[in-house]
PDB file of N, CA and C in Angstrom:
ATOM      1  N   UNK A   1     -51.827 103.113  10.402  1.00  0.00           N
ATOM      2  CA  UNK A   1     -51.808 103.197   9.040  1.00  0.00           C
ATOM      3  C   UNK A   1     -50.460 103.826   8.961  1.00  0.00           C
ATOM      4  N   UNK A   2     -50.303 104.893   9.432  1.00  0.00           N
ATOM      5  CA  UNK A   2     -48.813 105.536   9.422  1.00  0.00           C
ATOM      6  C   UNK A   2     -47.750 104.811   9.530  1.00  0.00           C
ATOM      7  N   UNK A   3     -47.926 103.664  10.772  1.00  0.00           N
ATOM      8  CA  UNK A   3     -46.639 102.419  11.027  1.00  0.00           C
ATOM      9  C   UNK A   3     -46.613 101.754   9.676  1.00  0.00           C
ATOM     10  N   UNK A   4     -47.610 101.341   9.034  1.00  0.00           N
ATOM     11  CA  UNK A   4     -47.716 100.429   8.061  1.00  0.00           C
ATOM     12  C   UNK A   4     -47.026 100.866   6.718  1.00  0.00           C
ATOM     13  N   UNK A   5     -47.038 102.259   6.682  1.00  0.00           N
ATOM     14  CA  UNK A   5     -46.663 102.754   5.623  1.00  0.00           C
ATOM     15  C   UNK A   5     -45.142 102.945   5.749  1.00  0.00           C
ATOM     16  N   UNK A   6     -44.805 103.411   6.884  1.00  0.00           N
ATOM     17  CA  UNK A   6     -43.151 103.565   7.597  1.00  0.00           C
ATOM     18  C   UNK A   6     -42.567 102.204   7.397  1.00  0.00           C
ATOM     19  N   UNK A   7     -43.565 101.018   7.653  1.00  0.00           N
ATOM     20  CA  UNK A   7     -42.749  99.782   7.630  1.00  0.00           C
ATOM     21  C   UNK A   7     -42.428  99.431   6.517  1.00  0.00           C
ATOM     22  N   UNK A   8     -43.247  99.578   5.737  1.00  0.00           N
ATOM     23  CA  UNK A   8     -43.317  99.155   3.997  1.00  0.00           C
ATOM     24  C   UNK A   8     -42.405  99.815   3.511  1.00  0.00           C
ATOM     25  N   UNK A   9     -42.103 101.138   3.893  1.00  0.00           N
ATOM     26  CA  UNK A   9     -40.953 101.805   3.220  1.00  0.00           C
ATOM     27  C   UNK A   9     -39.523 101.502   3.677  1.00  0.00           C
ATOM     28  N   UNK A  10     -39.334 100.989   4.856  1.00  0.00           N
ATOM     29  CA  UNK A  10     -38.323 100.690   5.172  1.00  0.00           C
ATOM     30  C   UNK A  10     -37.886  99.066   4.686  1.00  0.00           C
ATOM     31  N   UNK A  11     -38.819  98.348   4.337  1.00  0.00           N
ATOM     32  CA  UNK A  11     -38.738  97.279   3.886  1.00  0.00           C
ATOM     33  C   UNK A  11     -38.346  97.256   2.925  1.00  0.00           C
ATOM     34  N   UNK A  12     -38.911  98.104   1.698  1.00  0.00           N
ATOM     35  CA  UNK A  12     -38.527  98.415   0.162  1.00  0.00           C
ATOM     36  C   UNK A  12     -37.099  99.075   0.224  1.00  0.00           C
ATOM     37  N   UNK A  13     -36.708  99.881   0.962  1.00  0.00           N
ATOM     38  CA  UNK A  13     -35.505 100.199   0.869  1.00  0.00           C
ATOM     39  C   UNK A  13     -34.402  99.539   1.496  1.00  0.00           C
ATOM     40  N   UNK A  14     -34.590  98.106   2.179  1.00  0.00           N
ATOM     41  CA  UNK A  14     -33.478  97.527   2.809  1.00  0.00           C
ATOM     42  C   UNK A  14     -33.514  96.226   1.274  1.00  0.00           C
ATOM     43  N   UNK A  15     -34.808  95.962   0.978  1.00  0.00           N
ATOM     44  CA  UNK A  15     -34.802  95.178  -0.345  1.00  0.00           C
ATOM     45  C   UNK A  15     -33.923  96.021  -1.343  1.00  0.00           C
ATOM     46  N   UNK A  16     -34.073  96.973  -1.659  1.00  0.00           N
ATOM     47  CA  UNK A  16     -33.397  97.552  -2.795  1.00  0.00           C
ATOM     48  C   UNK A  16     -31.879  97.557  -2.206  1.00  0.00           C
ATOM     49  N   UNK A  17     -31.485  98.160  -1.160  1.00  0.00           N
ATOM     50  CA  UNK A  17     -30.105  98.009  -0.756  1.00  0.00           C
ATOM     51  C   UNK A  17     -29.629  96.763  -1.095  1.00  0.00           C
ATOM     52  N   UNK A  18     -29.989  95.870  -0.826  1.00  0.00           N
ATOM     53  CA  UNK A  18     -29.711  94.349  -1.119  1.00  0.00           C
ATOM     54  C   UNK A  18     -29.685  94.059  -2.371  1.00  0.00           C
ATOM     55  N   UNK A  19     -30.681  94.493  -3.054  1.00  0.00           N
ATOM     56  CA  UNK A  19     -30.356  94.246  -4.736  1.00  0.00           C
ATOM     57  C   UNK A  19     -28.991  95.173  -5.046  1.00  0.00           C
ATOM     58  N   UNK A  20     -28.957  96.245  -4.555  1.00  0.00           N
ATOM     59  CA  UNK A  20     -27.615  96.999  -5.078  1.00  0.00           C
ATOM     60  C   UNK A  20     -26.317  95.860  -4.778  1.00  0.00           C
ATOM     61  N   UNK A  21     -26.082  95.509  -3.444  1.00  0.00           N
ATOM     62  CA  UNK A  21     -24.985  95.133  -2.812  1.00  0.00           C
ATOM     63  C   UNK A  21     -24.932  93.654  -3.786  1.00  0.00           C
ATOM     64  N   UNK A  22     -25.932  93.164  -4.416  1.00  0.00           N
ATOM     65  CA  UNK A  22     -25.883  91.805  -5.173  1.00  0.00           C
ATOM     66  C   UNK A  22     -25.426  92.087  -6.474  1.00  0.00           C
ATOM     67  N   UNK A  23     -25.696  93.096  -7.204  1.00  0.00           N
ATOM     68  CA  UNK A  23     -25.324  93.555  -8.111  1.00  0.00           C
ATOM     69  C   UNK A  23     -23.717  94.239  -8.084  1.00  0.00           C
ATOM     70  N   UNK A  24     -23.310  94.773  -7.274  1.00  0.00           N
ATOM     71  CA  UNK A  24     -22.079  95.172  -6.885  1.00  0.00           C
ATOM     72  C   UNK A  24     -21.471  93.683  -6.839  1.00  0.00           C
ATOM     73  N   UNK A  25     -21.809  92.645  -6.095  1.00  0.00           N
ATOM     74  CA  UNK A  25     -20.919  91.838  -6.013  1.00  0.00           C
ATOM     75  C   UNK A  25     -20.889  91.081  -7.034  1.00  0.00           C
ATOM     76  N   UNK A  26     -21.707  90.790  -7.767  1.00  0.00           N
ATOM     77  CA  UNK A  26     -22.049  90.135  -9.300  1.00  0.00           C
ATOM     78  C   UNK A  26     -21.006  90.534 -10.190  1.00  0.00           C
ATOM     79  N   UNK A  27     -20.862  92.012 -10.134  1.00  0.00           N
ATOM     80  CA  UNK A  27     -19.983  93.045 -11.087  1.00  0.00           C
ATOM     81  C   UNK A  27     -18.758  92.413 -10.715  1.00  0.00           C
ATOM     82  N   UNK A  28     -18.557  92.695  -9.327  1.00  0.00           N
ATOM     83  CA  UNK A  28     -16.393  92.331  -9.099  1.00  0.00           C
ATOM     84  C   UNK A  28     -16.467  90.798  -9.384  1.00  0.00           C
ATOM     85  N   UNK A  29     -17.786  89.940  -9.000  1.00  0.00           N
ATOM     86  CA  UNK A  29     -17.150  88.398  -9.321  1.00  0.00           C
ATOM     87  C   UNK A  29     -17.056  88.535 -11.071  1.00  0.00           C
ATOM     88  N   UNK A  30     -18.007  89.064 -12.109  1.00  0.00           N
ATOM     89  CA  UNK A  30     -17.515  89.082 -13.364  1.00  0.00           C
ATOM     90  C   UNK A  30     -16.291  89.559 -13.473  1.00  0.00           C
ATOM     91  N   UNK A  31     -15.792  90.466 -13.336  1.00  0.00           N
ATOM     92  CA  UNK A  31     -14.690  91.170 -13.188  1.00  0.00           C
ATOM     93  C   UNK A  31     -13.438  90.024 -12.806  1.00  0.00           C
ATOM     94  N   UNK A  32     -13.648  89.850 -11.946  1.00  0.00           N
ATOM     95  CA  UNK A  32     -12.596  88.301 -11.513  1.00  0.00           C
ATOM     96  C   UNK A  32     -12.656  87.621 -12.487  1.00  0.00           C
ATOM     97  N   UNK A  33     -13.709  87.227 -12.961  1.00  0.00           N
ATOM     98  CA  UNK A  33     -13.490  86.108 -13.648  1.00  0.00           C
ATOM     99  C   UNK A  33     -12.899  86.259 -14.898  1.00  0.00           C
ATOM    100  N   UNK A  34     -13.445  87.717 -15.547  1.00  0.00           N
ATOM    101  CA  UNK A  34     -12.581  87.926 -16.747  1.00  0.00           C
ATOM    102  C   UNK A  34     -11.070  87.884 -16.495  1.00  0.00           C
ATOM    103  N   UNK A  35     -10.755  88.757 -15.449  1.00  0.00           N
ATOM    104  CA  UNK A  35      -9.279  88.712 -15.351  1.00  0.00           C
ATOM    105  C   UNK A  35      -8.526  87.468 -15.134  1.00  0.00           C
ATOM    106  N   UNK A  36      -9.414  86.327 -14.555  1.00  0.00           N
ATOM    107  CA  UNK A  36      -8.410  84.816 -14.707  1.00  0.00           C
ATOM    108  C   UNK A  36      -8.401  84.063 -15.969  1.00  0.00           C
ATOM    109  N   UNK A  37      -9.438  84.628 -16.952  1.00  0.00           N
ATOM    110  CA  UNK A  37      -9.917  84.095 -18.427  1.00  0.00           C
ATOM    111  C   UNK A  37      -8.278  84.710 -18.975  1.00  0.00           C
ATOM    112  N   UNK A  38      -8.248  85.989 -18.615  1.00  0.00           N
ATOM    113  CA  UNK A  38      -7.061  86.545 -19.571  1.00  0.00           C
ATOM    114  C   UNK A  38      -5.908  86.336 -19.151  1.00  0.00           C
ATOM    115  N   UNK A  39      -5.727  85.854 -17.605  1.00  0.00           N
ATOM    116  CA  UNK A  39      -4.246  85.307 -16.949  1.00  0.00           C
ATOM    117  C   UNK A  39      -4.190  84.230 -17.518  1.00  0.00           C
ATOM    118  N   UNK A  40      -4.872  83.448 -17.470  1.00  0.00           N
ATOM    119  CA  UNK A  40      -4.631  81.722 -18.157  1.00  0.00           C
ATOM    120  C   UNK A  40      -4.495  81.702 -19.253  1.00  0.00           C
ATOM    121  N   UNK A  41      -4.972  82.502 -20.067  1.00  0.00           N
ATOM    122  CA  UNK A  41      -4.994  82.740 -21.536  1.00  0.00           C
ATOM    123  C   UNK A  41      -3.751  83.248 -21.928  1.00  0.00           C
ATOM    124  N   UNK A  42      -3.210  84.279 -21.525  1.00  0.00           N
ATOM    125  CA  UNK A  42      -1.968  84.444 -21.333  1.00  0.00           C
ATOM    126  C   UNK A  42      -0.797  83.576 -21.301  1.00  0.00           C
ATOM    127  N   UNK A  43      -1.073  83.001 -20.295  1.00  0.00           N
ATOM    128  CA  UNK A  43      -0.249  81.653 -19.893  1.00  0.00           C
ATOM    129  C   UNK A  43       0.080  80.600 -21.101  1.00  0.00           C
ATOM    130  N   UNK A  44      -1.057  80.397 -21.648  1.00  0.00           N
ATOM    131  CA  UNK A  44      -1.021  79.279 -22.620  1.00  0.00           C
ATOM    132  C   UNK A  44      -0.372  80.219 -23.957  1.00  0.00           C
ATOM    133  N   UNK A  45      -0.968  81.410 -24.275  1.00  0.00           N
ATOM    134  CA  UNK A  45      -0.401  81.962 -25.694  1.00  0.00           C
ATOM    135  C   UNK A  45       1.189  82.237 -25.379  1.00  0.00           C
ATOM    136  N   UNK A  46       1.629  82.609 -24.198  1.00  0.00           N
ATOM    137  CA  UNK A  46       2.842  82.701 -24.255  1.00  0.00           C
ATOM    138  C   UNK A  46       3.456  81.275 -24.325  1.00  0.00           C
ATOM    139  N   UNK A  47       3.209  80.069 -24.025  1.00  0.00           N
ATOM    140  CA  UNK A  47       3.703  78.741 -23.871  1.00  0.00           C
ATOM    141  C   UNK A  47       3.543  78.480 -25.363  1.00  0.00           C
ATOM    142  N   UNK A  48       2.413  78.790 -26.210  1.00  0.00           N
ATOM    143  CA  UNK A  48       2.471  78.367 -27.549  1.00  0.00           C
ATOM    144  C   UNK A  48       3.282  79.117 -28.502  1.00  0.00           C
ATOM    145  N   UNK A  49       3.070  80.559 -28.470  1.00  0.00           N
ATOM    146  CA  UNK A  49       3.541  81.234 -29.353  1.00  0.00           C
ATOM    147  C   UNK A  49       4.744  81.996 -29.601  1.00  0.00           C
ATOM    148  N   UNK A  50       5.131  82.202 -28.062  1.00  0.00           N
ATOM    149  CA  UNK A  50       6.578  82.809 -27.878  1.00  0.00           C
ATOM    150  C   UNK A  50       7.450  82.279 -26.563  1.00  0.00           C
ATOM    151  N   UNK A  51       7.493  81.081 -26.341  1.00  0.00           N
ATOM    152  CA  UNK A  51       8.279  80.665 -25.278  1.00  0.00           C
ATOM    153  C   UNK A  51       9.673  80.986 -24.938  1.00  0.00           C
ATOM    154  N   UNK A  52      10.032  81.286 -26.480  1.00  0.00           N
ATOM    155  CA  UNK A  52      11.742  81.911 -26.467  1.00  0.00           C
ATOM    156  C   UNK A  52      11.678  83.382 -25.736  1.00  0.00           C
ATOM    157  N   UNK A  53      10.711  83.908 -25.934  1.00  0.00           N
ATOM    158  CA  UNK A  53      10.836  85.340 -25.550  1.00  0.00           C
ATOM    159  C   UNK A  53      10.435  85.225 -23.402  1.00  0.00           C
ATOM    160  N   UNK A  54      11.718  85.969 -22.884  1.00  0.00           N
ATOM    161  CA  UNK A  54      11.614  85.829 -21.385  1.00  0.00           C
ATOM    162  C   UNK A  54      10.160  86.897 -21.104  1.00  0.00           C
ATOM    163  N   UNK A  55       9.782  86.362 -19.993  1.00  0.00           N
ATOM    164  CA  UNK A  55       8.249  86.860 -19.665  1.00  0.00           C
ATOM    165  C   UNK A  55       8.381  86.611 -18.384  1.00  0.00           C
ATOM    166  N   UNK A  56       7.954  87.610 -17.149  1.00  0.00           N
ATOM    167  CA  UNK A  56       7.379  87.522 -16.128  1.00  0.00           C
ATOM    168  C   UNK A  56       6.047  87.681 -16.012  1.00  0.00           C
ATOM    169  N   UNK A  57       4.871  87.039 -16.193  1.00  0.00           N
ATOM    170  CA  UNK A  57       3.555  87.297 -15.939  1.00  0.00           C
ATOM    171  C   UNK A  57       3.206  88.112 -14.623  1.00  0.00           C
ATOM    172  N   UNK A  58       2.414  88.961 -15.086  1.00  0.00           N
ATOM    173  CA  UNK A  58       2.070  89.965 -13.969  1.00  0.00           C
ATOM    174  C   UNK A  58       1.309  89.243 -12.937  1.00  0.00           C
ATOM    175  N   UNK A  59       1.176  89.746 -11.706  1.00  0.00           N
ATOM    176  CA  UNK A  59       0.032  89.070 -10.598  1.00  0.00           C
ATOM    177  C   UNK A  59      -1.288  89.179 -10.871  1.00  0.00           C
ATOM    178  N   UNK A  60      -2.132  88.281 -10.733  1.00  0.00           N
ATOM    179  CA  UNK A  60      -3.740  88.403 -11.105  1.00  0.00           C
ATOM    180  C   UNK A  60      -4.518  89.595 -10.496  1.00  0.00           C
ATOM    181  N   UNK A  61      -3.763  90.428  -9.790  1.00  0.00           N
ATOM    182  CA  UNK A  61      -4.374  91.625  -9.227  1.00  0.00           C
ATOM    183  C   UNK A  61      -4.168  92.586 -10.239  1.00  0.00           C
ATOM    184  N   UNK A  62      -3.072  92.394 -11.019  1.00  0.00           N
ATOM    185  CA  UNK A  62      -2.791  93.429 -12.320  1.00  0.00           C
ATOM    186  C   UNK A  62      -3.857  92.869 -12.980  1.00  0.00           C
ATOM    187  N   UNK A  63      -4.154  91.863 -13.617  1.00  0.00           N
ATOM    188  CA  UNK A  63      -4.992  91.777 -14.532  1.00  0.00           C
ATOM    189  C   UNK A  63      -6.608  92.182 -13.918  1.00  0.00           C
ATOM    190  N   UNK A  64      -6.732  91.907 -12.689  1.00  0.00           N
ATOM    191  CA  UNK A  64      -8.044  92.663 -12.223  1.00  0.00           C
ATOM    192  C   UNK A  64      -8.381  94.150 -12.430  1.00  0.00           C
ATOM    193  N   UNK A  65      -7.127  94.699 -12.394  1.00  0.00           N
ATOM    194  CA  UNK A  65      -7.237  96.373 -12.386  1.00  0.00           C
ATOM    195  C   UNK A  65      -7.324  96.614 -13.743  1.00  0.00           C
ATOM    196  N   UNK A  66      -6.273  95.886 -14.669  1.00  0.00           N
ATOM    197  CA  UNK A  66      -6.516  96.537 -16.412  1.00  0.00           C
ATOM    198  C   UNK A  66      -7.289  95.757 -17.133  1.00  0.00           C
ATOM    199  N   UNK A  67      -7.428  94.342 -17.122  1.00  0.00           N
ATOM    200  CA  UNK A  67      -8.595  93.645 -17.738  1.00  0.00           C
ATOM    201  C   UNK A  67      -8.108  93.648 -19.377  1.00  0.00           C
ATOM    202  N   UNK A  68      -6.602  93.583 -19.415  1.00  0.00           N
ATOM    203  CA  UNK A  68      -6.326  93.610 -20.645  1.00  0.00           C
ATOM    204  C   UNK A  68      -4.803  92.535 -20.971  1.00  0.00           C
ATOM    205  N   UNK A  69      -4.696  91.645 -21.746  1.00  0.00           N
ATOM    206  CA  UNK A  69      -3.484  91.049 -21.683  1.00  0.00           C
ATOM    207  C   UNK A  69      -2.187  91.622 -21.641  1.00  0.00           C
ATOM    208  N   UNK A  70      -1.491  90.751 -21.020  1.00  0.00           N
ATOM    209  CA  UNK A  70       0.082  91.264 -20.741  1.00  0.00           C
ATOM    210  C   UNK A  70       0.928  90.560 -21.316  1.00  0.00           C
ATOM    211  N   UNK A  71       0.602  89.823 -22.549  1.00  0.00           N
ATOM    212  CA  UNK A  71       1.725  89.477 -23.241  1.00  0.00           C
ATOM    213  C   UNK A  71       2.924  90.104 -23.676  1.00  0.00           C
ATOM    214  N   UNK A  72       3.977  89.691 -23.499  1.00  0.00           N
ATOM    215  CA  UNK A  72       5.074  90.848 -24.189  1.00  0.00           C
ATOM    216  C   UNK A  72       5.387  90.967 -25.609  1.00  0.00           C
ATOM    217  N   UNK A  73       5.920  92.028 -25.934  1.00  0.00           N
ATOM    218  CA  UNK A  73       5.604  92.834 -27.149  1.00  0.00           C
ATOM    219  C   UNK A  73       6.180  91.688 -28.253  1.00  0.00           C
ATOM    220  N   UNK A  74       5.582  91.654 -29.106  1.00  0.00           N
ATOM    221  CA  UNK A  74       6.083  90.387 -30.547  1.00  0.00           C
ATOM    222  C   UNK A  74       5.850  89.010 -30.163  1.00  0.00           C
ATOM    223  N   UNK A  75       4.650  88.773 -29.341  1.00  0.00           N
ATOM    224  CA  UNK A  75       4.103  87.768 -28.820  1.00  0.00           C
ATOM    225  C   UNK A  75       2.539  87.549 -29.166  1.00  0.00           C
ATOM    226  N   UNK A  76       2.364  86.803 -30.355  1.00  0.00           N
ATOM    227  CA  UNK A  76       0.928  86.469 -30.516  1.00  0.00           C
ATOM    228  C   UNK A  76       0.723  87.594 -31.578  1.00  0.00           C
TER     229      UNK A  76
END
């Protein structure tokens, strides 16, 4: 009986850990997707609204860190 309880405890603990990891992975995936959206939108907006302003777009990693637009001042 104790062995069964121990086994079930380990099983549920393992399932809980896997569920937590899936949530972390999903959050990272959502963050990456949002960063990519911002990156691509900034490219499009710069081309549309202020191509005359010289701008070196930051890397996608910067967008992943900040999750904000990085358009130059005076654009859009």
